[in-house]
C-alpha cells in the first residue's frame, strides 16, 4: 500500500507577488496600446517596500528609471494604471506614495491560464491534422522495414530502415539508375 505524500506549498514571497502583478499588467489587453504604462508599473513595483507595501518615488525619478521618458508620459501612464485598477497613490510635497492593487490579479490569471490552454489545444489540433494528412496520404509499408526514396537527377537512392524490437538500424545506400519508363511502371504497380 502506497502512501500519498501531501505536497506542502510555500506561501508566495513578496517578490513573487510583485512578479505576478507585473505579469498580469503585461497581459491586460486594456494596456496593450500603452507600452510605457508597463515601464512605469515596473519602476514603481521595483521601488515597493516589503514592510509598508508602498513606494515613495517622484515622477522625475520614474521618468529617469523608465528609460528617459517624459514626466508627462509618467503622469498619463500612472492615471491609466489607476483607471484600470492596478495602482493607487497619494500626493506629497516631494514625491508620490504608491501602492499596488491586486484585486484583478486572480481574474487575469484565469485569463492567462485559459489563453495558455487554448494555445495548447490549437497546437495539438495542428499536430494531429498534420499527422493525419501526412500518414494517410502515403501508403503503409508492406513489411517491417520502411523505404524512403530520394530522387536526384537520374539516380534514386533507396534507404531501408529496419526495426527489430526496440532496435532500429539503417542499411547501406543502394544507388541504381532508372529510366523514366521504369519509374512509371513501378508507380503503376
C-alpha atoms as a PDB file:
ATOM      1  CA  UNK A   1       0.000   0.000   0.000  1.00  0.00           C
ATOM      2  CA  UNK A   2       1.495   3.299  -1.037  1.00  0.00           C
ATOM      3  CA  UNK A   3       1.056   6.419   0.977  1.00  0.00           C
ATOM      4  CA  UNK A   4       0.062   9.642  -0.656  1.00  0.00           C
ATOM      5  CA  UNK A   5       2.506  12.345   0.131  1.00  0.00           C
ATOM      6  CA  UNK A   6       0.955  15.664   0.819  1.00  0.00           C
ATOM      7  CA  UNK A   7       2.555  18.421  -1.142  1.00  0.00           C
ATOM      8  CA  UNK A   8       3.133  21.444   1.005  1.00  0.00           C
ATOM      9  CA  UNK A   9       3.239  24.627  -0.977  1.00  0.00           C
ATOM     10  CA  UNK A  10       5.230  27.503   0.329  1.00  0.00           C
ATOM     11  CA  UNK A  11       3.325  30.733   0.665  1.00  0.00           C
ATOM     12  CA  UNK A  12       4.136  33.184  -2.125  1.00  0.00           C
ATOM     13  CA  UNK A  13       7.026  35.503  -1.429  1.00  0.00           C
ATOM     14  CA  UNK A  14       6.816  39.256  -1.714  1.00  0.00           C
ATOM     15  CA  UNK A  15       8.888  39.179  -4.898  1.00  0.00           C
ATOM     16  CA  UNK A  16       6.691  36.512  -6.497  1.00  0.00           C
ATOM     17  CA  UNK A  17       3.605  38.611  -5.724  1.00  0.00           C
ATOM     18  CA  UNK A  18       5.192  41.601  -7.455  1.00  0.00           C
ATOM     19  CA  UNK A  19       6.169  39.478 -10.456  1.00  0.00           C
ATOM     20  CA  UNK A  20       2.635  38.073 -10.683  1.00  0.00           C
ATOM     21  CA  UNK A  21       1.277  41.621 -10.555  1.00  0.00           C
ATOM     22  CA  UNK A  22       3.620  42.653 -13.385  1.00  0.00           C
ATOM     23  CA  UNK A  23       2.712  39.583 -15.445  1.00  0.00           C
ATOM     24  CA  UNK A  24      -0.965  40.478 -15.118  1.00  0.00           C
ATOM     25  CA  UNK A  25      -0.307  44.072 -16.181  1.00  0.00           C
ATOM     26  CA  UNK A  26       1.663  42.774 -19.142  1.00  0.00           C
ATOM     27  CA  UNK A  27      -1.289  40.545 -20.140  1.00  0.00           C
ATOM     28  CA  UNK A  28      -4.002  43.181 -19.582  1.00  0.00           C
ATOM     29  CA  UNK A  29      -5.462  43.895 -23.025  1.00  0.00           C
ATOM     30  CA  UNK A  30      -6.609  47.367 -21.990  1.00  0.00           C
ATOM     31  CA  UNK A  31      -2.961  48.444 -21.684  1.00  0.00           C
ATOM     32  CA  UNK A  32      -1.887  46.916 -24.992  1.00  0.00           C
ATOM     33  CA  UNK A  33      -1.690  50.267 -26.790  1.00  0.00           C
ATOM     34  CA  UNK A  34       0.371  51.857 -23.998  1.00  0.00           C
ATOM     35  CA  UNK A  35       3.712  50.049 -23.530  1.00  0.00           C
ATOM     36  CA  UNK A  36       5.059  52.929 -21.438  1.00  0.00           C
ATOM     37  CA  UNK A  37       2.470  52.098 -18.767  1.00  0.00           C
ATOM     38  CA  UNK A  38       4.224  48.761 -18.212  1.00  0.00           C
ATOM     39  CA  UNK A  39       7.573  50.555 -17.840  1.00  0.00           C
ATOM     40  CA  UNK A  40       6.088  52.881 -15.232  1.00  0.00           C
ATOM     41  CA  UNK A  41       4.464  49.954 -13.410  1.00  0.00           C
ATOM     42  CA  UNK A  42       7.788  48.086 -13.416  1.00  0.00           C
ATOM     43  CA  UNK A  43       9.685  51.031 -11.899  1.00  0.00           C
ATOM     44  CA  UNK A  44       7.038  51.542  -9.221  1.00  0.00           C
ATOM     45  CA  UNK A  45       6.872  47.806  -8.398  1.00  0.00           C
ATOM     46  CA  UNK A  46      10.665  47.733  -8.153  1.00  0.00           C
ATOM     47  CA  UNK A  47      10.536  50.505  -5.512  1.00  0.00           C
ATOM     48  CA  UNK A  48       7.784  48.939  -3.355  1.00  0.00           C
ATOM     49  CA  UNK A  49       8.913  48.356   0.227  1.00  0.00           C
ATOM     50  CA  UNK A  50       8.038  44.938   1.662  1.00  0.00           C
ATOM     51  CA  UNK A  51       7.186  46.112   5.176  1.00  0.00           C
ATOM     52  CA  UNK A  52       4.955  49.062   4.241  1.00  0.00           C
ATOM     53  CA  UNK A  53       3.801  47.859   0.776  1.00  0.00           C
ATOM     54  CA  UNK A  54       4.330  51.358  -0.563  1.00  0.00           C
ATOM     55  CA  UNK A  55       6.779  53.140  -2.835  1.00  0.00           C
ATOM     56  CA  UNK A  56       7.921  56.702  -2.263  1.00  0.00           C
ATOM     57  CA  UNK A  57       9.194  57.981  -5.624  1.00  0.00           C
ATOM     58  CA  UNK A  58       8.928  61.168  -7.682  1.00  0.00           C
ATOM     59  CA  UNK A  59       7.777  61.481 -11.289  1.00  0.00           C
ATOM     60  CA  UNK A  60      11.259  62.645 -12.319  1.00  0.00           C
ATOM     61  CA  UNK A  61      12.819  59.513 -10.797  1.00  0.00           C
ATOM     62  CA  UNK A  62      10.259  57.263 -12.527  1.00  0.00           C
ATOM     63  CA  UNK A  63      10.901  59.009 -15.857  1.00  0.00           C
ATOM     64  CA  UNK A  64      14.650  58.558 -15.479  1.00  0.00           C
ATOM     65  CA  UNK A  65      14.475  54.894 -14.356  1.00  0.00           C
ATOM     66  CA  UNK A  66      11.963  54.009 -17.097  1.00  0.00           C
ATOM     67  CA  UNK A  67      14.484  54.804 -19.806  1.00  0.00           C
ATOM     68  CA  UNK A  68      14.276  58.554 -20.214  1.00  0.00           C
ATOM     69  CA  UNK A  69      10.571  59.020 -20.837  1.00  0.00           C
ATOM     70  CA  UNK A  70       8.976  62.385 -20.106  1.00  0.00           C
ATOM     71  CA  UNK A  71       7.238  63.275 -16.852  1.00  0.00           C
ATOM     72  CA  UNK A  72       4.015  63.875 -18.801  1.00  0.00           C
ATOM     73  CA  UNK A  73       4.149  60.267 -20.041  1.00  0.00           C
ATOM     74  CA  UNK A  74       4.649  59.154 -16.440  1.00  0.00           C
ATOM     75  CA  UNK A  75       1.552  61.117 -15.396  1.00  0.00           C
ATOM     76  CA  UNK A  76      -0.572  59.690 -18.225  1.00  0.00           C
ATOM     77  CA  UNK A  77       0.613  56.134 -17.544  1.00  0.00           C
ATOM     78  CA  UNK A  78       0.027  56.489 -13.812  1.00  0.00           C
ATOM     79  CA  UNK A  79      -3.515  57.741 -14.448  1.00  0.00           C
ATOM     80  CA  UNK A  80      -4.163  54.865 -16.874  1.00  0.00           C
ATOM     81  CA  UNK A  81      -2.910  52.322 -14.297  1.00  0.00           C
ATOM     82  CA  UNK A  82      -5.198  53.886 -11.680  1.00  0.00           C
ATOM     83  CA  UNK A  83      -8.208  53.877 -14.030  1.00  0.00           C
ATOM     84  CA  UNK A  84      -7.683  50.202 -14.875  1.00  0.00           C
ATOM     85  CA  UNK A  85      -7.436  49.310 -11.171  1.00  0.00           C
ATOM     86  CA  UNK A  86      -3.753  48.363 -10.855  1.00  0.00           C
ATOM     87  CA  UNK A  87      -2.341  51.280  -8.862  1.00  0.00           C
ATOM     88  CA  UNK A  88      -3.250  53.907  -6.302  1.00  0.00           C
ATOM     89  CA  UNK A  89      -1.237  56.851  -4.996  1.00  0.00           C
ATOM     90  CA  UNK A  90      -1.270  59.844  -2.680  1.00  0.00           C
ATOM     91  CA  UNK A  91       0.418  63.126  -3.414  1.00  0.00           C
ATOM     92  CA  UNK A  92       3.049  64.557  -1.090  1.00  0.00           C
ATOM     93  CA  UNK A  93       5.257  67.630  -1.371  1.00  0.00           C
ATOM     94  CA  UNK A  94       8.305  65.996  -2.950  1.00  0.00           C
ATOM     95  CA  UNK A  95       7.087  62.643  -4.297  1.00  0.00           C
ATOM     96  CA  UNK A  96       4.072  60.381  -4.514  1.00  0.00           C
ATOM     97  CA  UNK A  97       3.353  57.397  -2.296  1.00  0.00           C
ATOM     98  CA  UNK A  98       2.259  54.447  -4.447  1.00  0.00           C
ATOM     99  CA  UNK A  99       0.599  51.179  -3.521  1.00  0.00           C
ATOM    100  CA  UNK A 100      -0.132  48.218  -5.789  1.00  0.00           C
ATOM    101  CA  UNK A 101      -3.711  46.981  -6.094  1.00  0.00           C
ATOM    102  CA  UNK A 102      -4.057  43.242  -6.536  1.00  0.00           C
ATOM    103  CA  UNK A 103      -7.838  42.919  -6.820  1.00  0.00           C
ATOM    104  CA  UNK A 104      -7.713  41.947 -10.510  1.00  0.00           C
ATOM    105  CA  UNK A 105      -4.772  39.524 -10.309  1.00  0.00           C
ATOM    106  CA  UNK A 106      -6.818  36.337  -9.850  1.00  0.00           C
ATOM    107  CA  UNK A 107      -9.175  37.187 -12.717  1.00  0.00           C
ATOM    108  CA  UNK A 108      -6.323  37.976 -15.070  1.00  0.00           C
ATOM    109  CA  UNK A 109      -4.508  34.767 -14.023  1.00  0.00           C
ATOM    110  CA  UNK A 110      -7.630  32.862 -15.057  1.00  0.00           C
ATOM    111  CA  UNK A 111      -7.496  34.590 -18.449  1.00  0.00           C
ATOM    112  CA  UNK A 112      -3.781  33.779 -18.795  1.00  0.00           C
ATOM    113  CA  UNK A 113      -4.446  30.123 -17.976  1.00  0.00           C
ATOM    114  CA  UNK A 114      -7.356  29.953 -20.432  1.00  0.00           C
ATOM    115  CA  UNK A 115      -5.200  31.546 -23.131  1.00  0.00           C
ATOM    116  CA  UNK A 116      -2.402  29.022 -22.496  1.00  0.00           C
ATOM    117  CA  UNK A 117      -4.838  26.103 -22.681  1.00  0.00           C
ATOM    118  CA  UNK A 118      -6.369  27.411 -25.917  1.00  0.00           C
ATOM    119  CA  UNK A 119      -2.883  27.743 -27.431  1.00  0.00           C
ATOM    120  CA  UNK A 120      -2.002  24.179 -26.377  1.00  0.00           C
ATOM    121  CA  UNK A 121      -5.260  22.898 -27.888  1.00  0.00           C
ATOM    122  CA  UNK A 122      -4.571  24.697 -31.185  1.00  0.00           C
ATOM    123  CA  UNK A 123      -1.084  23.151 -31.222  1.00  0.00           C
ATOM    124  CA  UNK A 124      -2.496  19.649 -30.528  1.00  0.00           C
ATOM    125  CA  UNK A 125      -5.067  20.072 -33.291  1.00  0.00           C
ATOM    126  CA  UNK A 126      -2.461  21.328 -35.752  1.00  0.00           C
ATOM    127  CA  UNK A 127      -0.180  18.375 -34.958  1.00  0.00           C
ATOM    128  CA  UNK A 128      -2.970  15.808 -35.249  1.00  0.00           C
ATOM    129  CA  UNK A 129      -4.115  17.337 -38.544  1.00  0.00           C
ATOM    130  CA  UNK A 130      -0.557  17.181 -39.835  1.00  0.00           C
ATOM    131  CA  UNK A 131      -0.127  13.561 -38.737  1.00  0.00           C
ATOM    132  CA  UNK A 132      -3.475  12.565 -40.234  1.00  0.00           C
ATOM    133  CA  UNK A 133      -2.639  14.248 -43.526  1.00  0.00           C
ATOM    134  CA  UNK A 134       0.949  13.021 -43.563  1.00  0.00           C
ATOM    135  CA  UNK A 135       0.271   9.380 -42.744  1.00  0.00           C
ATOM    136  CA  UNK A 136      -2.940   8.912 -44.718  1.00  0.00           C
ATOM    137  CA  UNK A 137      -1.528  10.381 -47.909  1.00  0.00           C
ATOM    138  CA  UNK A 138       1.202   7.735 -48.074  1.00  0.00           C
ATOM    139  CA  UNK A 139       0.703   4.022 -48.428  1.00  0.00           C
ATOM    140  CA  UNK A 140       1.566   1.838 -45.475  1.00  0.00           C
ATOM    141  CA  UNK A 141       4.817  -0.159 -45.666  1.00  0.00           C
ATOM    142  CA  UNK A 142       4.413  -3.775 -46.784  1.00  0.00           C
ATOM    143  CA  UNK A 143       6.869  -5.246 -44.293  1.00  0.00           C
ATOM    144  CA  UNK A 144       8.509  -4.286 -41.046  1.00  0.00           C
ATOM    145  CA  UNK A 145      11.043  -2.182 -42.897  1.00  0.00           C
ATOM    146  CA  UNK A 146      10.194   1.164 -44.381  1.00  0.00           C
ATOM    147  CA  UNK A 147      11.639   2.506 -47.613  1.00  0.00           C
ATOM    148  CA  UNK A 148      12.361   6.123 -48.346  1.00  0.00           C
ATOM    149  CA  UNK A 149      13.160   7.181 -51.877  1.00  0.00           C
ATOM    150  CA  UNK A 150      15.154  10.296 -52.697  1.00  0.00           C
ATOM    151  CA  UNK A 151      15.340  11.390 -56.331  1.00  0.00           C
ATOM    152  CA  UNK A 152      18.244  13.361 -57.707  1.00  0.00           C
ATOM    153  CA  UNK A 153      18.601  13.823 -61.448  1.00  0.00           C
ATOM    154  CA  UNK A 154      18.713  10.320 -62.912  1.00  0.00           C
ATOM    155  CA  UNK A 155      19.584   8.432 -59.696  1.00  0.00           C
ATOM    156  CA  UNK A 156      17.302   7.153 -56.979  1.00  0.00           C
ATOM    157  CA  UNK A 157      18.693   6.402 -53.531  1.00  0.00           C
ATOM    158  CA  UNK A 158      16.812   3.807 -51.501  1.00  0.00           C
ATOM    159  CA  UNK A 159      17.428   3.771 -47.771  1.00  0.00           C
ATOM    160  CA  UNK A 160      15.962   0.913 -45.828  1.00  0.00           C
ATOM    161  CA  UNK A 161      15.232   1.350 -42.140  1.00  0.00           C
ATOM    162  CA  UNK A 162      14.539  -1.967 -40.465  1.00  0.00           C
ATOM    163  CA  UNK A 163      13.133  -2.256 -36.997  1.00  0.00           C
ATOM    164  CA  UNK A 164      13.509  -5.341 -34.887  1.00  0.00           C
ATOM    165  CA  UNK A 165      12.011  -4.993 -31.474  1.00  0.00           C
ATOM    166  CA  UNK A 166      13.299  -1.780 -29.959  1.00  0.00           C
ATOM    167  CA  UNK A 167      16.340  -1.554 -32.258  1.00  0.00           C
ATOM    168  CA  UNK A 168      16.291   0.417 -35.476  1.00  0.00           C
ATOM    169  CA  UNK A 169      19.131   0.469 -37.937  1.00  0.00           C
ATOM    170  CA  UNK A 170      19.641   1.545 -41.481  1.00  0.00           C
ATOM    171  CA  UNK A 171      21.150  -0.487 -44.265  1.00  0.00           C
ATOM    172  CA  UNK A 172      23.640   0.667 -46.849  1.00  0.00           C
ATOM    173  CA  UNK A 173      22.571   3.092 -49.507  1.00  0.00           C
ATOM    174  CA  UNK A 174      21.991   1.441 -52.858  1.00  0.00           C
ATOM    175  CA  UNK A 175      22.272   3.664 -55.890  1.00  0.00           C
ATOM    176  CA  UNK A 176      20.702   2.473 -59.126  1.00  0.00           C
ATOM    177  CA  UNK A 177      19.939   4.232 -62.345  1.00  0.00           C
ATOM    178  CA  UNK A 178      16.360   4.215 -63.564  1.00  0.00           C
ATOM    179  CA  UNK A 179      14.834   5.311 -66.776  1.00  0.00           C
ATOM    180  CA  UNK A 180      11.697   7.352 -66.834  1.00  0.00           C
ATOM    181  CA  UNK A 181       9.685   4.404 -68.167  1.00  0.00           C
ATOM    182  CA  UNK A 182      10.805   2.051 -65.385  1.00  0.00           C
ATOM    183  CA  UNK A 183       9.762   4.613 -62.774  1.00  0.00           C
ATOM    184  CA  UNK A 184       6.319   4.884 -64.399  1.00  0.00           C
ATOM    185  CA  UNK A 185       5.954   1.094 -64.365  1.00  0.00           C
ATOM    186  CA  UNK A 186       6.827   0.931 -60.637  1.00  0.00           C
ATOM    187  CA  UNK A 187       4.295   3.637 -59.935  1.00  0.00           C
ATOM    188  CA  UNK A 188       1.540   1.731 -61.776  1.00  0.00           C
ATOM    189  CA  UNK A 189       2.307  -1.496 -59.898  1.00  0.00           C
END
